[in-house]
Amino acid sequence: MMQLTCFATDHALEIDQLDMDHVVNHPVVHSIAINAPSEWALLQQVFSLQVIATSQRNVEFETVMKLQKAASSKQPSFDQLYQQWLELSQRENTMDEYGQLLFLGESSFSQAKHIYVIEA
């Protein structure tokens, strides 16, 4: 099982320098539990997330990624993307599953200038 921590901000952070203080002091942090790296790749595909930088040299975290939301003129609704995620990943439709991904549909996340994902 992989535990990913995600947050979005309008302030650029150096991914090699990102530490626990940045995460703890950020007002909104989200967690995603996935079963394997292949599920992470699938989640990126379904929700149009692109990794633009990765660091495995960070001293506190195994991997830190900087993402961006792919530009799209017509973005499906969160519920449509969530249904696609369930079909492709074969994960169970539960309140926990829905709740852990709901932030991906929020405008504060999708319109943020910088999106960071940490694998601890």
C-alpha atoms as a PDB file:
ATOM      1  CA  MET A   1       0.000   0.000   0.000  1.00  0.00           C
ATOM      2  CA  MET A   2       1.238   3.482  -0.873  1.00  0.00           C
ATOM      3  CA  GLN A   3       0.243   6.485   1.208  1.00  0.00           C
ATOM      4  CA  LEU A   4       0.403   9.741  -0.729  1.00  0.00           C
ATOM      5  CA  THR A   5       0.053  13.208   0.766  1.00  0.00           C
ATOM      6  CA  CYS A   6      -1.136  15.965  -1.569  1.00  0.00           C
ATOM      7  CA  PHE A   7      -1.434  19.711  -1.267  1.00  0.00           C
ATOM      8  CA  ALA A   8      -1.833  22.641  -3.626  1.00  0.00           C
ATOM      9  CA  THR A   9      -0.503  26.152  -3.225  1.00  0.00           C
ATOM     10  CA  ASP A  10       0.096  29.349  -5.155  1.00  0.00           C
ATOM     11  CA  HIS A  11       3.670  29.481  -3.791  1.00  0.00           C
ATOM     12  CA  ALA A  12       6.482  27.611  -5.534  1.00  0.00           C
ATOM     13  CA  LEU A  13       8.521  25.278  -3.333  1.00  0.00           C
ATOM     14  CA  GLU A  14      11.786  23.547  -4.160  1.00  0.00           C
ATOM     15  CA  ILE A  15      10.944  19.844  -4.082  1.00  0.00           C
ATOM     16  CA  ASP A  16      14.396  18.864  -2.817  1.00  0.00           C
ATOM     17  CA  GLN A  17      13.930  21.283   0.092  1.00  0.00           C
ATOM     18  CA  LEU A  18      10.352  20.344   0.991  1.00  0.00           C
ATOM     19  CA  ASP A  19      10.144  19.194   4.607  1.00  0.00           C
ATOM     20  CA  MET A  20       7.560  18.180   7.168  1.00  0.00           C
ATOM     21  CA  ASP A  21       7.138  21.816   8.312  1.00  0.00           C
ATOM     22  CA  HIS A  22       5.814  22.734   4.849  1.00  0.00           C
ATOM     23  CA  VAL A  23       3.266  19.944   5.061  1.00  0.00           C
ATOM     24  CA  VAL A  24       2.232  20.483   8.689  1.00  0.00           C
ATOM     25  CA  ASN A  25       1.905  24.245   8.235  1.00  0.00           C
ATOM     26  CA  HIS A  26      -0.132  24.000   5.036  1.00  0.00           C
ATOM     27  CA  PRO A  27      -3.813  24.700   5.724  1.00  0.00           C
ATOM     28  CA  VAL A  28      -5.222  21.895   3.559  1.00  0.00           C
ATOM     29  CA  VAL A  29      -3.489  18.544   3.119  1.00  0.00           C
ATOM     30  CA  HIS A  30      -5.090  15.460   1.563  1.00  0.00           C
ATOM     31  CA  SER A  31      -4.145  11.788   1.843  1.00  0.00           C
ATOM     32  CA  ILE A  32      -4.646   9.095  -0.767  1.00  0.00           C
ATOM     33  CA  ALA A  33      -4.128   5.381  -0.101  1.00  0.00           C
ATOM     34  CA  ILE A  34      -3.463   3.351  -3.230  1.00  0.00           C
ATOM     35  CA  ASN A  35      -2.421  -0.256  -3.690  1.00  0.00           C
ATOM     36  CA  ALA A  36       0.462   0.025  -6.150  1.00  0.00           C
ATOM     37  CA  PRO A  37       2.413   2.412  -8.383  1.00  0.00           C
ATOM     38  CA  SER A  38       0.249   1.268 -11.289  1.00  0.00           C
ATOM     39  CA  GLU A  39      -2.816   2.668  -9.483  1.00  0.00           C
ATOM     40  CA  TRP A  40      -1.019   5.976  -8.997  1.00  0.00           C
ATOM     41  CA  ALA A  41      -0.323   6.078 -12.746  1.00  0.00           C
ATOM     42  CA  LEU A  42      -3.969   5.284 -13.460  1.00  0.00           C
ATOM     43  CA  LEU A  43      -5.155   8.000 -11.066  1.00  0.00           C
ATOM     44  CA  GLN A  44      -2.934  10.517 -12.850  1.00  0.00           C
ATOM     45  CA  GLN A  45      -4.358   9.453 -16.199  1.00  0.00           C
ATOM     46  CA  VAL A  46      -8.024   9.586 -15.154  1.00  0.00           C
ATOM     47  CA  PHE A  47      -7.750  12.948 -13.379  1.00  0.00           C
ATOM     48  CA  SER A  48      -5.420  14.506 -16.005  1.00  0.00           C
ATOM     49  CA  LEU A  49      -2.481  15.018 -13.653  1.00  0.00           C
ATOM     50  CA  GLN A  50       1.025  15.290 -15.082  1.00  0.00           C
ATOM     51  CA  VAL A  51       4.222  14.888 -13.078  1.00  0.00           C
ATOM     52  CA  ILE A  52       6.512  17.746 -14.090  1.00  0.00           C
ATOM     53  CA  ALA A  53       9.287  17.196 -11.529  1.00  0.00           C
ATOM     54  CA  THR A  54      10.326  14.376  -9.215  1.00  0.00           C
ATOM     55  CA  SER A  55      12.894  14.188  -6.455  1.00  0.00           C
ATOM     56  CA  GLN A  56      14.117  11.128  -4.619  1.00  0.00           C
ATOM     57  CA  ARG A  57      16.921  13.094  -2.982  1.00  0.00           C
ATOM     58  CA  ASN A  58      14.691  14.638  -0.348  1.00  0.00           C
ATOM     59  CA  VAL A  59      15.977  13.823   3.140  1.00  0.00           C
ATOM     60  CA  GLU A  60      12.561  13.489   4.817  1.00  0.00           C
ATOM     61  CA  PHE A  61      10.432  11.803   2.151  1.00  0.00           C
ATOM     62  CA  GLU A  62      10.913   8.837  -0.170  1.00  0.00           C
ATOM     63  CA  THR A  63       9.622  10.736  -3.201  1.00  0.00           C
ATOM     64  CA  VAL A  64       8.354  14.266  -3.795  1.00  0.00           C
ATOM     65  CA  MET A  65       6.528  15.099  -7.012  1.00  0.00           C
ATOM     66  CA  LYS A  66       5.352  18.368  -8.471  1.00  0.00           C
ATOM     67  CA  LEU A  67       2.247  18.008 -10.621  1.00  0.00           C
ATOM     68  CA  GLN A  68       0.187  20.094 -12.935  1.00  0.00           C
ATOM     69  CA  LYS A  69      -3.362  19.637 -14.087  1.00  0.00           C
ATOM     70  CA  ALA A  70      -3.465  19.047 -17.843  1.00  0.00           C
ATOM     71  CA  ALA A  71      -5.097  21.883 -19.725  1.00  0.00           C
ATOM     72  CA  SER A  72      -8.436  20.896 -21.152  1.00  0.00           C
ATOM     73  CA  SER A  73     -11.204  22.892 -22.748  1.00  0.00           C
ATOM     74  CA  LYS A  74     -13.909  20.475 -21.573  1.00  0.00           C
ATOM     75  CA  GLN A  75     -13.259  18.820 -18.226  1.00  0.00           C
ATOM     76  CA  PRO A  76     -15.667  16.054 -17.164  1.00  0.00           C
ATOM     77  CA  SER A  77     -17.296  16.413 -13.757  1.00  0.00           C
ATOM     78  CA  PHE A  78     -15.660  14.898 -10.707  1.00  0.00           C
ATOM     79  CA  ASP A  79     -18.418  12.274 -10.494  1.00  0.00           C
ATOM     80  CA  GLN A  80     -17.788  11.207 -14.108  1.00  0.00           C
ATOM     81  CA  LEU A  81     -14.047  10.933 -13.458  1.00  0.00           C
ATOM     82  CA  TYR A  82     -14.678   9.078 -10.213  1.00  0.00           C
ATOM     83  CA  GLN A  83     -16.880   6.512 -12.006  1.00  0.00           C
ATOM     84  CA  GLN A  84     -14.166   6.062 -14.639  1.00  0.00           C
ATOM     85  CA  TRP A  85     -11.611   5.582 -11.837  1.00  0.00           C
ATOM     86  CA  LEU A  86     -13.765   2.884 -10.225  1.00  0.00           C
ATOM     87  CA  GLU A  87     -14.239   1.035 -13.507  1.00  0.00           C
ATOM     88  CA  LEU A  88     -10.564   1.095 -14.491  1.00  0.00           C
ATOM     89  CA  SER A  89      -9.066   0.489 -11.052  1.00  0.00           C
ATOM     90  CA  GLN A  90     -11.709  -2.024  -9.969  1.00  0.00           C
ATOM     91  CA  ARG A  91     -11.726  -0.412  -6.545  1.00  0.00           C
ATOM     92  CA  GLU A  92     -14.805  -0.533  -4.372  1.00  0.00           C
ATOM     93  CA  ASN A  93     -17.234   2.393  -4.351  1.00  0.00           C
ATOM     94  CA  THR A  94     -17.183   3.429  -0.691  1.00  0.00           C
ATOM     95  CA  MET A  95     -17.507   6.693   1.199  1.00  0.00           C
ATOM     96  CA  ASP A  96     -13.810   6.440   2.093  1.00  0.00           C
ATOM     97  CA  GLU A  97     -12.804   6.014  -1.552  1.00  0.00           C
ATOM     98  CA  TYR A  98     -14.996   8.896  -2.678  1.00  0.00           C
ATOM     99  CA  GLY A  99     -13.870  11.113   0.185  1.00  0.00           C
ATOM    100  CA  GLN A 100     -10.156  10.579  -0.344  1.00  0.00           C
ATOM    101  CA  LEU A 101     -10.435  11.687  -3.989  1.00  0.00           C
ATOM    102  CA  LEU A 102     -13.058  14.430  -3.694  1.00  0.00           C
ATOM    103  CA  PHE A 103     -10.433  17.183  -3.403  1.00  0.00           C
ATOM    104  CA  LEU A 104      -9.299  16.411  -6.980  1.00  0.00           C
ATOM    105  CA  GLY A 105     -12.536  17.979  -8.204  1.00  0.00           C
ATOM    106  CA  GLU A 106     -12.268  21.133  -6.103  1.00  0.00           C
ATOM    107  CA  SER A 107     -11.364  24.324  -7.956  1.00  0.00           C
ATOM    108  CA  SER A 108      -8.900  25.292  -5.200  1.00  0.00           C
ATOM    109  CA  PHE A 109      -6.901  22.197  -6.133  1.00  0.00           C
ATOM    110  CA  SER A 110      -7.296  22.141  -9.898  1.00  0.00           C
ATOM    111  CA  GLN A 111      -6.630  25.868 -10.316  1.00  0.00           C
ATOM    112  CA  ALA A 112      -3.664  26.063  -7.943  1.00  0.00           C
ATOM    113  CA  LYS A 113      -0.363  27.111  -9.466  1.00  0.00           C
ATOM    114  CA  HIS A 114       1.617  24.358  -7.733  1.00  0.00           C
ATOM    115  CA  ILE A 115       0.531  20.843  -6.745  1.00  0.00           C
ATOM    116  CA  TYR A 116       2.795  18.617  -4.648  1.00  0.00           C
ATOM    117  CA  VAL A 117       2.535  14.907  -3.849  1.00  0.00           C
ATOM    118  CA  ILE A 118       4.692  13.236  -1.212  1.00  0.00           C
ATOM    119  CA  GLU A 119       5.323   9.562  -0.746  1.00  0.00           C
ATOM    120  CA  ALA A 120       6.703   9.047   2.748  1.00  0.00           C
END
